[in-house]
C-alpha atoms as a PDB file:
ATOM      1  CA  MET A   1       0.000   0.000   0.000  1.00  0.00           C
ATOM      2  CA  VAL A   2       1.295   3.407  -0.934  1.00  0.00           C
ATOM      3  CA  ARG A   3       1.565   5.911   1.887  1.00  0.00           C
ATOM      4  CA  THR A   4       0.760   9.556   1.365  1.00  0.00           C
ATOM      5  CA  ARG A   5       1.418  12.668   3.407  1.00  0.00           C
ATOM      6  CA  LEU A   6      -2.316  12.806   4.101  1.00  0.00           C
ATOM      7  CA  ASP A   7      -2.281   9.558   6.096  1.00  0.00           C
ATOM      8  CA  ALA A   8      -1.277  11.424   9.269  1.00  0.00           C
ATOM      9  CA  VAL A   9      -4.062  13.942   8.698  1.00  0.00           C
ATOM     10  CA  VAL A  10      -6.532  11.085   8.199  1.00  0.00           C
ATOM     11  CA  GLN A  11      -5.477   9.564  11.525  1.00  0.00           C
ATOM     12  CA  VAL A  12      -5.932  12.871  13.353  1.00  0.00           C
ATOM     13  CA  LYS A  13      -9.348  13.466  11.761  1.00  0.00           C
ATOM     14  CA  GLU A  14     -10.432   9.924  12.617  1.00  0.00           C
ATOM     15  CA  ARG A  15      -9.402  10.408  16.258  1.00  0.00           C
ATOM     16  CA  VAL A  16     -11.417  13.634  16.406  1.00  0.00           C
ATOM     17  CA  GLU A  17     -14.358  11.840  14.792  1.00  0.00           C
ATOM     18  CA  GLU A  18     -14.108   8.975  17.274  1.00  0.00           C
ATOM     19  CA  LYS A  19     -14.028  11.326  20.273  1.00  0.00           C
ATOM     20  CA  ALA A  20     -17.025  13.227  18.903  1.00  0.00           C
ATOM     21  CA  GLY A  21     -18.857   9.924  18.427  1.00  0.00           C
ATOM     22  CA  GLN A  22     -18.138   8.928  22.009  1.00  0.00           C
ATOM     23  CA  ALA A  23     -19.388  12.302  23.251  1.00  0.00           C
ATOM     24  CA  LEU A  24     -22.526  11.863  21.160  1.00  0.00           C
ATOM     25  CA  ALA A  25     -23.116   8.419  22.636  1.00  0.00           C
ATOM     26  CA  ARG A  26     -22.699   9.768  26.176  1.00  0.00           C
ATOM     27  CA  VAL A  27     -25.102  12.666  25.636  1.00  0.00           C
ATOM     28  CA  GLU A  28     -27.691  10.442  23.946  1.00  0.00           C
ATOM     29  CA  SER A  29     -27.469   8.057  26.894  1.00  0.00           C
ATOM     30  CA  ALA A  30     -27.979  10.987  29.261  1.00  0.00           C
ATOM     31  CA  VAL A  31     -31.006  12.131  27.228  1.00  0.00           C
ATOM     32  CA  THR A  32     -32.503   8.640  27.436  1.00  0.00           C
ATOM     33  CA  ILE A  33     -32.017   8.569  31.207  1.00  0.00           C
ATOM     34  CA  ALA A  34     -33.525  12.054  31.511  1.00  0.00           C
ATOM     35  CA  LYS A  35     -36.559  10.959  29.475  1.00  0.00           C
ATOM     36  CA  GLU A  36     -37.067   8.035  31.837  1.00  0.00           C
ATOM     37  CA  LYS A  37     -36.822  10.373  34.836  1.00  0.00           C
ATOM     38  CA  VAL A  38     -39.424  12.674  33.287  1.00  0.00           C
ATOM     39  CA  GLU A  39     -41.795   9.760  32.733  1.00  0.00           C
ATOM     40  CA  VAL A  40     -41.376   8.556  36.321  1.00  0.00           C
ATOM     41  CA  ALA A  41     -41.840  12.075  37.696  1.00  0.00           C
ATOM     42  CA  LYS A  42     -44.973  12.580  35.597  1.00  0.00           C
ATOM     43  CA  ARG A  43     -46.429   9.275  36.807  1.00  0.00           C
ATOM     44  CA  VAL A  44     -45.729  10.196  40.436  1.00  0.00           C
ATOM     45  CA  ALA A  45     -47.237  13.656  39.939  1.00  0.00           C
ATOM     46  CA  ALA A  46     -50.353  12.167  38.340  1.00  0.00           C
ATOM     47  CA  GLN A  47     -51.105   9.917  41.313  1.00  0.00           C
ATOM     48  CA  ASP A  48     -53.548  11.049  43.949  1.00  0.00           C
ATOM     49  CA  PHE A  49     -52.549   9.920  47.415  1.00  0.00           C
ATOM     50  CA  ARG A  50     -55.339  11.761  49.197  1.00  0.00           C
ATOM     51  CA  ALA A  51     -57.574   9.426  51.092  1.00  0.00           C
ATOM     52  CA  ARG A  52     -60.276   9.694  53.709  1.00  0.00           C
ATOM     53  CA  SER A  53     -58.466  10.782  56.784  1.00  0.00           C
ATOM     54  CA  ASP A  54     -57.923  13.823  58.892  1.00  0.00           C
ATOM     55  CA  ILE A  55     -56.865  17.184  57.499  1.00  0.00           C
ATOM     56  CA  SER A  56     -53.221  16.929  58.557  1.00  0.00           C
ATOM     57  CA  GLN A  57     -52.660  13.805  56.486  1.00  0.00           C
ATOM     58  CA  TRP A  58     -54.505  15.387  53.578  1.00  0.00           C
ATOM     59  CA  GLU A  59     -52.228  18.445  53.809  1.00  0.00           C
ATOM     60  CA  VAL A  60     -49.130  16.242  53.830  1.00  0.00           C
ATOM     61  CA  ALA A  61     -50.415  14.420  50.749  1.00  0.00           C
ATOM     62  CA  GLU A  62     -51.134  17.763  49.055  1.00  0.00           C
ATOM     63  CA  LEU A  63     -47.614  19.037  49.817  1.00  0.00           C
ATOM     64  CA  ALA A  64     -46.144  15.803  48.475  1.00  0.00           C
ATOM     65  CA  HIS A  65     -48.209  16.244  45.320  1.00  0.00           C
ATOM     66  CA  HIS A  66     -46.941  19.807  44.855  1.00  0.00           C
ATOM     67  CA  ARG A  67     -43.392  18.567  45.362  1.00  0.00           C
ATOM     68  CA  ALA A  68     -43.945  15.814  42.772  1.00  0.00           C
ATOM     69  CA  VAL A  69     -45.284  18.350  40.259  1.00  0.00           C
ATOM     70  CA  ALA A  70     -42.264  20.598  40.893  1.00  0.00           C
ATOM     71  CA  ASP A  71     -39.930  17.609  40.448  1.00  0.00           C
ATOM     72  CA  ALA A  72     -41.658  16.744  37.176  1.00  0.00           C
ATOM     73  CA  LYS A  73     -41.207  20.313  35.899  1.00  0.00           C
ATOM     74  CA  LYS A  74     -37.553  20.302  36.914  1.00  0.00           C
ATOM     75  CA  ALA A  75     -36.987  16.949  35.210  1.00  0.00           C
ATOM     76  CA  GLN A  76     -38.650  18.314  32.060  1.00  0.00           C
ATOM     77  CA  LYS A  77     -36.395  21.399  32.095  1.00  0.00           C
ATOM     78  CA  ASP A  78     -33.331  19.202  32.605  1.00  0.00           C
ATOM     79  CA  LEU A  79     -34.415  17.062  29.666  1.00  0.00           C
ATOM     80  CA  GLU A  80     -34.863  20.102  27.424  1.00  0.00           C
ATOM     81  CA  THR A  81     -31.414  21.389  28.405  1.00  0.00           C
ATOM     82  CA  LEU A  82     -29.869  18.007  27.649  1.00  0.00           C
ATOM     83  CA  GLN A  83     -31.649  17.822  24.309  1.00  0.00           C
ATOM     84  CA  LYS A  84     -30.265  21.232  23.338  1.00  0.00           C
ATOM     85  CA  SER A  85     -26.755  20.179  24.277  1.00  0.00           C
ATOM     86  CA  ALA A  86     -27.298  16.925  22.357  1.00  0.00           C
ATOM     87  CA  LEU A  87     -28.057  18.966  19.246  1.00  0.00           C
ATOM     88  CA  VAL A  88     -24.761  20.812  19.631  1.00  0.00           C
ATOM     89  CA  VAL A  89     -22.837  17.578  20.199  1.00  0.00           C
ATOM     90  CA  ARG A  90     -24.582  15.939  17.237  1.00  0.00           C
ATOM     91  CA  ALA A  91     -23.650  18.884  15.007  1.00  0.00           C
ATOM     92  CA  THR A  92     -20.045  18.619  16.207  1.00  0.00           C
ATOM     93  CA  TYR A  93     -20.010  14.908  15.390  1.00  0.00           C
ATOM     94  CA  VAL A  94     -21.510  15.442  11.936  1.00  0.00           C
ATOM     95  CA  SER A  95     -18.909  18.119  11.220  1.00  0.00           C
ATOM     96  CA  ALA A  96     -16.060  15.889  12.416  1.00  0.00           C
ATOM     97  CA  HIS A  97     -17.402  12.940  10.407  1.00  0.00           C
ATOM     98  CA  GLN A  98     -17.706  14.990   7.229  1.00  0.00           C
ATOM     99  CA  SER A  99     -14.247  16.444   7.689  1.00  0.00           C
ATOM    100  CA  ALA A 100     -12.734  13.005   8.219  1.00  0.00           C
ATOM    101  CA  GLU A 101     -14.613  11.612   5.234  1.00  0.00           C
ATOM    102  CA  VAL A 102     -13.328  14.397   2.954  1.00  0.00           C
ATOM    103  CA  VAL A 103      -9.733  13.777   4.017  1.00  0.00           C
ATOM    104  CA  ARG A 104     -10.183   9.988   3.635  1.00  0.00           C
ATOM    105  CA  ARG A 105     -11.478  10.446   0.090  1.00  0.00           C
ATOM    106  CA  VAL A 106      -8.640  12.789  -0.880  1.00  0.00           C
ATOM    107  CA  ALA A 107      -6.075  10.411   0.618  1.00  0.00           C
ATOM    108  CA  THR A 108      -7.640   7.477  -1.247  1.00  0.00           C
ATOM    109  CA  THR A 109      -7.557   9.429  -4.504  1.00  0.00           C
ATOM    110  CA  ARG A 110      -3.920  10.381  -3.976  1.00  0.00           C
ATOM    111  CA  ARG A 111      -3.047   6.801  -3.060  1.00  0.00           C
ATOM    112  CA  GLU A 112      -4.743   5.489  -6.203  1.00  0.00           C
ATOM    113  CA  GLU A 113      -2.921   8.084  -8.332  1.00  0.00           C
ATOM    114  CA  ALA A 114       0.422   7.087  -6.795  1.00  0.00           C
ATOM    115  CA  GLU A 115      -0.301   3.396  -7.398  1.00  0.00           C
ATOM    116  CA  ARG A 116      -1.237   4.099 -11.027  1.00  0.00           C
ATOM    117  CA  GLU A 117       1.991   6.058 -11.469  1.00  0.00           C
ATOM    118  CA  LEU A 118       4.033   3.230  -9.934  1.00  0.00           C
ATOM    119  CA  ASN A 119       2.278   0.714 -12.180  1.00  0.00           C
ATOM    120  CA  ARG A 120       2.928   2.919 -15.214  1.00  0.00           C
ATOM    121  CA  ILE A 121       6.635   3.172 -14.348  1.00  0.00           C
ATOM    122  CA  GLU A 122       6.818  -0.579 -13.756  1.00  0.00           C
ATOM    123  CA  ASP A 123       5.042  -1.304 -17.054  1.00  0.00           C
ATOM    124  CA  LYS A 124       7.440   1.057 -18.858  1.00  0.00           C
ATOM    125  CA  ALA A 125      10.453  -0.694 -17.310  1.00  0.00           C
ATOM    126  CA  LEU A 126       9.047  -4.098 -18.261  1.00  0.00           C
ATOM    127  CA  ASP A 127       8.365  -2.898 -21.818  1.00  0.00           C
ATOM    128  CA  GLU A 128      11.926  -1.634 -22.119  1.00  0.00           C
ATOM    129  CA  ALA A 129      13.294  -4.923 -20.810  1.00  0.00           C
ATOM    130  CA  ALA A 130      11.103  -6.852 -23.228  1.00  0.00           C
ATOM    131  CA  SER A 131      12.243  -4.626 -26.113  1.00  0.00           C
ATOM    132  CA  LEU A 132      15.898  -5.166 -25.192  1.00  0.00           C
ATOM    133  CA  LEU A 133      15.381  -8.921 -25.065  1.00  0.00           C
ATOM    134  CA  HIS A 134      13.576  -8.865 -28.405  1.00  0.00           C
ATOM    135  CA  PHE A 135      16.338  -6.835 -30.083  1.00  0.00           C
ATOM    136  CA  ARG A 136      19.015  -9.050 -28.548  1.00  0.00           C
ATOM    137  CA  ARG A 137      17.347 -12.173 -29.954  1.00  0.00           C
ATOM    138  CA  ALA A 138      16.784 -10.503 -33.282  1.00  0.00           C
ATOM    139  CA  SER A 139      20.440  -9.605 -33.684  1.00  0.00           C
END
């Protein structure tokens, strides 16, 4: 395989792409966890724990319900924040991937050109050797 000067650039771009992919995976995992927390918080907030009992227990249940609603809102805000950061990370990954792909294609093109040139030189040398042998036999 023919090496080009772009091979080092390809390696650097691929490392950047890999790190961006790992960051994307981490943020998508965090978004999934946040979605689950929102669902749990919404289910807890939707439950009604008030039962027939005295007013003090009813007040405690009402306070717990308000706290559950507040927790659900906070979880929703956290999810929205994570989703916004996921968009930024996703854009970074797409940019890194495209950049790496461009450099890979250019390096492949250069490598193919170098291989064609080497093959052309080798064919020329073989043709010259064959011509010399033919003229030697002819004389």
